[in-house]
Protein backbone atom coordinates (compact mmCIF):
# COMPACT_ATOMS: atom_id res chain seq x y z
CA MET A 1 -0.27 0.24 -0.19
CA PRO A 2 1.43 3.72 -0.52
CA TYR A 3 3.31 5.06 2.18
CA ILE A 4 2.63 9.89 2.84
CA PRO A 5 4.68 10.18 5.16
CA GLU A 6 2.46 12.07 8.26
CA GLU A 7 4.49 15.44 7.90
CA LEU A 8 2.83 14.97 4.10
CA VAL A 9 -1.34 14.05 5.74
CA ARG A 10 -0.49 17.06 8.41
CA LYS A 11 0.53 19.18 5.59
CA ALA A 12 -2.00 18.26 3.23
CA LYS A 13 -5.60 17.91 5.43
CA GLU A 14 -4.41 21.38 7.06
CA ILE A 15 -6.19 23.05 3.57
CA ASP A 16 -9.81 23.37 4.33
CA LEU A 17 -12.23 23.48 1.40
CA TYR A 18 -12.67 26.99 0.28
CA THR A 19 -8.53 27.50 -0.38
CA TYR A 20 -8.72 24.12 -2.15
CA LEU A 21 -11.06 25.13 -4.43
CA LYS A 22 -10.14 28.54 -5.10
CA ASN A 23 -6.61 27.86 -6.02
CA TYR A 24 -7.57 25.20 -8.39
CA GLU A 25 -10.83 24.66 -8.91
CA PRO A 26 -12.58 28.40 -9.06
CA GLY A 27 -14.93 26.97 -11.83
CA GLU A 28 -16.02 24.86 -8.72
CA LEU A 29 -16.66 27.73 -6.51
CA VAL A 30 -19.99 29.85 -6.12
CA LYS A 31 -21.02 31.91 -4.29
CA ALA A 32 -24.51 31.79 -2.77
CA SER A 33 -25.14 34.37 -0.20
CA GLY A 34 -23.25 37.07 2.06
CA ASN A 35 -19.35 34.92 2.43
CA GLU A 36 -21.12 32.00 2.18
CA TYR A 37 -19.69 29.52 -0.99
CA CYS A 38 -21.85 26.55 -2.23
CA THR A 39 -20.13 24.25 -5.00
CA ALA A 40 -21.42 24.29 -8.62
CA SER A 41 -21.71 20.56 -9.26
CA HIS A 42 -24.15 20.66 -5.65
CA ASP A 43 -26.10 23.68 -4.69
CA SER A 44 -26.73 22.30 -1.00
CA LEU A 45 -23.21 21.89 0.33
CA LYS A 46 -22.15 25.10 1.53
CA ILE A 47 -19.33 26.16 2.67
CA SER A 48 -18.53 29.29 5.52
CA ASN A 49 -16.68 29.49 8.36
CA GLY A 50 -13.99 27.29 7.54
CA LYS A 51 -16.09 24.72 7.07
CA TRP A 52 -18.58 22.43 4.19
CA ILE A 53 -21.78 20.47 5.00
CA TRP A 54 -23.78 18.89 2.34
CA TRP A 55 -27.02 19.54 3.93
CA SER A 56 -28.62 16.79 1.20
CA HIS A 57 -26.17 14.27 2.79
CA GLY A 58 -26.09 15.01 5.79
CA ILE A 59 -22.03 14.99 5.96
CA GLY A 60 -19.22 17.90 6.65
CA GLY A 61 -16.03 18.04 7.63
CA LYS A 62 -13.40 20.84 7.37
CA SER A 63 -10.26 19.88 5.04
CA ALA A 64 -10.28 19.70 1.23
CA VAL A 65 -9.11 15.93 2.22
CA ASP A 66 -12.04 14.68 3.59
CA TYR A 67 -14.17 16.55 0.55
CA LEU A 68 -12.25 14.39 -1.73
CA THR A 69 -13.08 11.11 0.14
CA ALA A 70 -16.48 12.10 0.91
CA VAL A 71 -17.53 13.43 -2.09
CA ARG A 72 -15.56 12.79 -5.17
CA ASN A 73 -15.34 9.41 -3.65
CA MET A 74 -11.63 9.05 -3.59
CA SER A 75 -8.92 7.05 -1.22
CA PHE A 76 -7.53 8.53 1.57
CA TYR A 77 -4.27 7.79 -0.05
CA ASP A 78 -5.08 9.46 -3.56
CA ALA A 79 -7.04 12.57 -2.03
CA VAL A 80 -4.33 13.51 0.31
CA GLU A 81 -1.80 12.93 -3.14
CA THR A 82 -4.10 15.09 -5.23
CA VAL A 83 -3.73 18.27 -2.27
CA LEU A 84 0.30 17.85 -1.57
CA ASN A 85 0.60 17.67 -6.19
CA CYS A 86 -1.67 20.80 -6.52
CA ILE A 87 0.07 22.33 -3.69
CA ASP A 88 3.59 21.43 -5.40
CA THR A 89 2.44 22.93 -8.77
CA VAL A 90 0.33 26.06 -8.08
CA PRO A 91 1.72 27.53 -5.10
CA LEU A 92 -1.33 28.82 -2.92
CA ASN A 93 -1.68 32.22 -3.36
CA PRO A 94 -2.54 33.91 -0.52
CA GLU A 95 -5.07 36.15 -1.19
CA TYR A 96 -7.26 33.17 -1.55
CA LEU A 97 -6.85 32.06 1.46
CA SER A 98 -10.22 31.52 3.50
CA SER A 99 -10.64 34.17 6.22
CA ASP A 100 -9.90 30.85 9.42
CA SER A 101 -6.49 31.08 7.72
CA LYS A 102 -6.54 34.94 8.18
CA GLU A 103 -6.01 37.63 11.15
CA THR A 104 -9.86 39.54 10.35
CA LYS A 105 -12.13 41.56 12.41
CA ALA A 106 -15.49 40.22 12.24
CA LYS A 107 -17.83 41.28 10.37
CA GLU A 108 -21.00 43.24 11.16
CA LEU A 109 -23.97 41.94 11.41
CA GLU A 110 -26.07 42.89 7.36
CA ILE A 111 -29.86 42.79 8.09
CA PRO A 112 -31.70 42.71 5.18
CA ILE A 113 -34.29 45.56 4.29
CA ARG A 114 -38.01 44.90 5.72
CA ALA A 115 -40.17 44.55 2.56
CA PRO A 116 -43.26 47.02 2.84
CA ASN A 117 -45.24 43.66 3.99
CA ASN A 118 -44.64 40.15 5.31
CA ASN A 119 -47.14 38.28 2.90
CA GLN A 120 -45.19 36.09 0.95
CA ALA A 121 -43.12 34.94 3.77
CA ILE A 122 -46.34 34.06 6.10
CA SER A 123 -48.11 32.14 2.90
CA TYR A 124 -44.55 30.57 3.18
CA LEU A 125 -44.93 29.49 6.95
CA LYS A 126 -48.40 28.70 6.27
CA SER A 127 -48.03 26.44 3.73
CA ARG A 128 -45.33 24.49 5.68
CA GLY A 129 -48.03 23.73 8.17
CA ILE A 130 -47.06 26.68 10.70
CA ALA A 131 -50.33 28.20 12.82
CA GLY A 132 -50.67 32.16 11.90
CA ASN A 133 -51.10 33.03 16.01
CA VAL A 134 -47.78 31.42 15.96
CA ILE A 135 -46.53 33.53 13.16
CA GLN A 136 -47.97 36.66 13.86
CA HIS A 137 -46.20 35.94 17.49
CA CYS A 138 -42.75 36.05 15.96
CA ILE A 139 -43.56 38.59 13.43
CA TYR A 140 -44.65 40.96 16.03
CA ASN A 141 -41.64 40.51 18.45
CA GLY A 142 -39.43 41.11 15.69
CA TYR A 143 -38.04 37.43 15.43
CA ILE A 144 -39.55 37.63 11.82
CA PHE A 145 -39.82 39.07 8.68
CA GLU A 146 -40.18 39.54 4.90
CA SER A 147 -36.69 40.51 2.86
CA GLN A 148 -37.32 43.52 0.37
CA THR A 149 -35.51 42.03 -2.27
CA MET A 150 -35.50 38.76 -3.06
CA HIS A 151 -39.16 37.97 -0.18
CA ASN A 152 -36.42 35.66 1.90
CA VAL A 153 -38.68 34.85 5.70
CA VAL A 154 -36.17 36.24 7.36
CA PHE A 155 -35.17 34.83 11.00
CA MET A 156 -33.41 37.32 13.67
CA GLY A 157 -31.24 36.17 16.25
CA PHE A 158 -30.13 38.19 19.49
CA ASP A 159 -27.84 38.27 22.46
CA LYS A 160 -29.26 38.24 25.90
CA ASN A 161 -28.87 42.13 25.94
CA ARG A 162 -31.31 42.29 22.76
CA GLU A 163 -28.72 42.98 20.27
CA PRO A 164 -29.79 41.41 16.52
CA LYS A 165 -26.51 39.01 16.00
CA TYR A 166 -27.85 36.82 13.85
CA ALA A 167 -30.36 36.50 10.77
CA GLY A 168 -31.05 33.18 8.83
CA LEU A 169 -32.75 33.18 5.48
CA ARG A 170 -35.46 31.29 3.96
CA GLY A 171 -36.62 31.22 0.22
CA THR A 172 -40.35 31.19 -0.01
CA PHE A 173 -40.48 30.27 -4.24
CA GLY A 174 -39.23 27.97 -5.83
CA LYS A 175 -35.95 25.52 -5.20
CA ARG A 176 -35.07 25.32 -1.90
CA PHE A 177 -32.51 28.43 -0.31
CA LEU A 178 -30.57 28.16 2.37
CA GLY A 179 -28.62 30.81 4.09
CA ASP A 180 -26.99 33.50 6.66
CA ALA A 181 -26.59 37.09 6.28
CA VAL A 182 -23.06 38.65 6.45
CA GLY A 183 -21.64 38.68 9.89
CA SER A 184 -24.37 36.51 10.90
CA ASP A 185 -22.89 34.73 14.74
CA LYS A 186 -24.34 30.74 14.96
CA ARG A 187 -23.82 31.78 19.11
CA TYR A 188 -26.99 33.43 18.87
CA THR A 189 -29.25 31.96 16.13
CA PHE A 190 -32.99 32.09 16.16
CA ARG A 191 -35.24 30.93 19.27
CA LEU A 192 -38.45 31.74 21.35
CA THR A 193 -37.17 32.44 25.00
CA ALA A 194 -39.19 32.14 28.28
CA GLU A 195 -38.48 33.06 32.29
CA ASP A 196 -38.14 31.09 34.80
CA ASN A 197 -38.11 28.13 32.75
CA ASN A 198 -35.21 25.01 33.70
CA CYS A 199 -36.05 22.78 30.33
CA VAL A 200 -35.19 23.91 26.57
CA HIS A 201 -35.84 22.01 23.19
CA PHE A 202 -32.90 22.24 20.50
CA PHE A 203 -34.12 21.94 16.78
CA GLU A 204 -31.90 21.61 13.67
CA SER A 205 -33.78 24.86 11.90
CA ALA A 206 -36.48 27.55 12.59
CA ILE A 207 -38.65 25.90 10.75
CA ASP A 208 -38.69 22.88 13.25
CA LEU A 209 -38.76 24.87 15.99
CA LEU A 210 -41.99 26.99 14.74
CA SER A 211 -43.63 23.71 13.70
CA TYR A 212 -42.84 21.84 17.73
CA ALA A 213 -44.67 25.65 19.32
CA THR A 214 -47.83 24.91 16.45
CA LEU A 215 -47.53 20.98 17.37
CA VAL A 216 -48.23 21.42 21.14
CA GLN A 217 -50.39 24.57 20.99
CA ARG A 218 -52.74 21.65 19.13
CA LYS A 219 -52.32 19.72 23.03
CA ASN A 220 -53.31 23.05 24.96
CA ILE A 221 -49.51 23.20 25.78
CA ASN A 222 -48.76 27.00 25.87
CA TRP A 223 -45.29 27.01 23.78
CA ARG A 224 -44.46 31.05 25.11
CA LYS A 225 -43.99 29.59 28.87
CA MET A 226 -40.85 26.87 26.69
CA ASN A 227 -37.57 27.73 25.63
CA LEU A 228 -37.28 26.76 22.53
CA VAL A 229 -33.79 27.05 20.49
CA ALA A 230 -32.93 26.51 16.57
CA LEU A 231 -29.34 25.03 15.78
CA ALA A 232 -28.86 26.61 12.28
CA GLY A 233 -28.26 23.02 11.06
CA ILE A 234 -26.15 19.98 12.92
CA TYR A 235 -23.84 17.89 10.63
CA SER A 236 -21.97 14.54 10.98
CA SER A 237 -18.04 14.44 10.58
CA VAL A 238 -16.86 12.44 7.66
CA ASN A 239 -13.64 12.28 9.57
CA LYS A 240 -14.10 10.45 12.84
CA GLU A 241 -11.26 10.88 14.31
CA GLU A 242 -11.91 14.90 14.72
CA GLU A 243 -13.75 15.26 18.18
CA PHE A 244 -17.35 16.60 18.60
CA ALA A 245 -18.06 19.47 19.07
CA LEU A 246 -21.32 21.12 20.48
CA PRO A 247 -22.90 23.09 17.99
CA LEU A 248 -21.93 27.18 18.53
CA ALA A 249 -25.73 28.40 20.40
CA MET A 250 -26.50 25.00 22.08
CA GLU A 251 -23.35 25.87 23.49
CA GLN A 252 -23.98 29.68 24.10
CA TYR A 253 -27.14 29.67 25.39
CA LEU A 254 -25.99 26.15 27.71
CA LYS A 255 -23.41 29.14 28.94
CA ASP A 256 -25.81 32.28 29.36
CA ASN A 257 -28.56 29.80 31.27
CA PRO A 258 -26.29 28.06 33.80
CA ASP A 259 -29.88 26.62 36.23
CA THR A 260 -30.66 24.74 32.96
CA ASN A 261 -31.22 21.32 33.99
CA LYS A 262 -32.86 19.25 31.08
CA ILE A 263 -32.55 19.44 27.81
CA TYR A 264 -34.26 17.54 25.12
CA LEU A 265 -33.34 16.87 21.23
CA HIS A 266 -35.27 17.46 18.78
CA LEU A 267 -32.90 16.97 15.92
CA ASP A 268 -34.20 14.37 12.57
CA ASN A 269 -34.30 10.98 12.00
CA ASP A 270 -31.22 11.21 9.26
CA GLU A 271 -27.86 9.51 10.24
CA ALA A 272 -26.98 13.35 11.05
CA GLY A 273 -29.69 13.56 13.42
CA ARG A 274 -29.48 10.86 14.94
CA ASN A 275 -25.25 10.75 14.93
CA ALA A 276 -25.36 14.89 16.42
CA ALA A 277 -28.57 13.32 18.99
CA ARG A 278 -25.90 10.41 20.27
CA SER A 279 -22.92 12.55 20.30
CA ILE A 280 -24.33 15.38 22.00
CA MET A 281 -25.85 13.14 24.85
CA LYS A 282 -22.29 11.49 25.69
CA VAL A 283 -21.34 15.10 26.29
CA LEU A 284 -24.11 16.28 27.99
CA SER A 285 -25.33 13.37 29.78
CA GLU A 286 -23.23 13.93 33.04
CA ARG A 287 -24.66 17.40 34.04
CA TYR A 288 -27.63 17.97 32.42
CA GLU A 289 -30.36 15.09 31.52
CA VAL A 290 -30.78 15.55 28.34
CA ILE A 291 -33.94 13.19 26.12
CA ASP A 292 -33.80 12.38 23.14
CA LEU A 293 -37.35 13.30 21.05
CA PRO A 294 -37.43 12.42 17.62
CA PRO A 295 -40.13 13.18 15.34
CA PRO A 296 -42.37 9.97 15.39
CA ASP A 297 -42.88 9.84 12.10
CA GLY A 298 -41.51 12.40 8.48
CA LYS A 299 -37.39 13.21 8.45
CA ASP A 300 -37.91 16.44 10.77
CA VAL A 301 -40.34 18.45 13.23
CA ASN A 302 -41.68 20.39 9.80
CA ASP A 303 -41.69 16.52 8.22
CA TYR A 304 -44.20 15.15 10.70
CA LEU A 305 -46.92 17.94 11.03
CA ILE A 306 -46.91 18.38 7.17
CA ILE A 307 -47.92 14.86 7.68
CA LYS A 308 -50.15 15.37 10.73
CA ASN A 309 -51.76 18.47 8.29
CA LYS A 310 -51.67 15.52 5.31
CA ILE A 311 -50.83 17.48 3.41
CA PRO A 312 -49.44 16.78 -0.45
CA ALA A 313 -46.72 13.96 -0.70
CA LYS A 314 -45.56 16.17 -3.91
CA SER A 315 -44.97 19.11 -1.25
CA ARG A 316 -43.23 17.46 1.18
CA LYS A 317 -41.55 16.18 -1.59
CA GLU A 318 -40.64 19.53 -3.44
CA ARG A 319 -39.91 21.20 0.01
CA ASN A 320 -36.93 18.69 -0.11
CA ASP A 321 -35.32 19.20 -3.51
CA ALA A 322 -32.16 20.51 -3.19
CA ARG A 323 -28.98 18.59 -4.84
């Protein structure tokens, strides 16, 4: 079996995917929104903050080597050799290094301009089965609004001083679109919280969070007295040696709320969601009571709500249509 010295393997694995594509396959790198990119071959493979996540497959990683093995189906040896050959043939352009490789100041959050009304956003959220009063509560309190240019639903996140720190975008027309506004801080994602409650519920997305609020409301449970936090996605690393890290939003919430003693996980029923739930329970179970509560049917909480609402299967398929 071919052998590559360990120091060269480390050198190859230091190259993140953005840096690799920008330097050696620029035609494959496509700007998605703000500081987020995707690839020309897979528009559901997002690249930002030194990591890549292939949402439609539930996998992700950091390095170009991870990408070449998981997405391009190369052997580990071939992936390392490919990266090393690129570096040797054309040295890295310092202008094309990822932001993680350069000293940069945190960017200010660029909140999208609000549309004159929220009609398209409301129509879209209702089409996903979310209750009208849940939507109106979020609009009234400034948690969601419709953007003026693309008519995306914007999900706002605030710190404990009510300063806006995050803006997640969700497309409302045609093909599925997900993204974060420039300067978004994923420690402070979309959430609906209550005072004097030591329990917290975590979801992969804002849509899942709103779906859960709709579901519990039907059981005459007051969701406004619950702590509901969206994680803005999770992923399962393709690098099995990589130590599992808690999602930033989860880590920050628990830091800001030290009295929390019970955690409910409402993560997806796919491989990434199940792996993440097991990893989170392993990390947190010594300190918290952690309860794994995936949706009883469907891929995620919103899928379960759609099934309960008997929305046609075609609509369910269209909302998950991403390469």
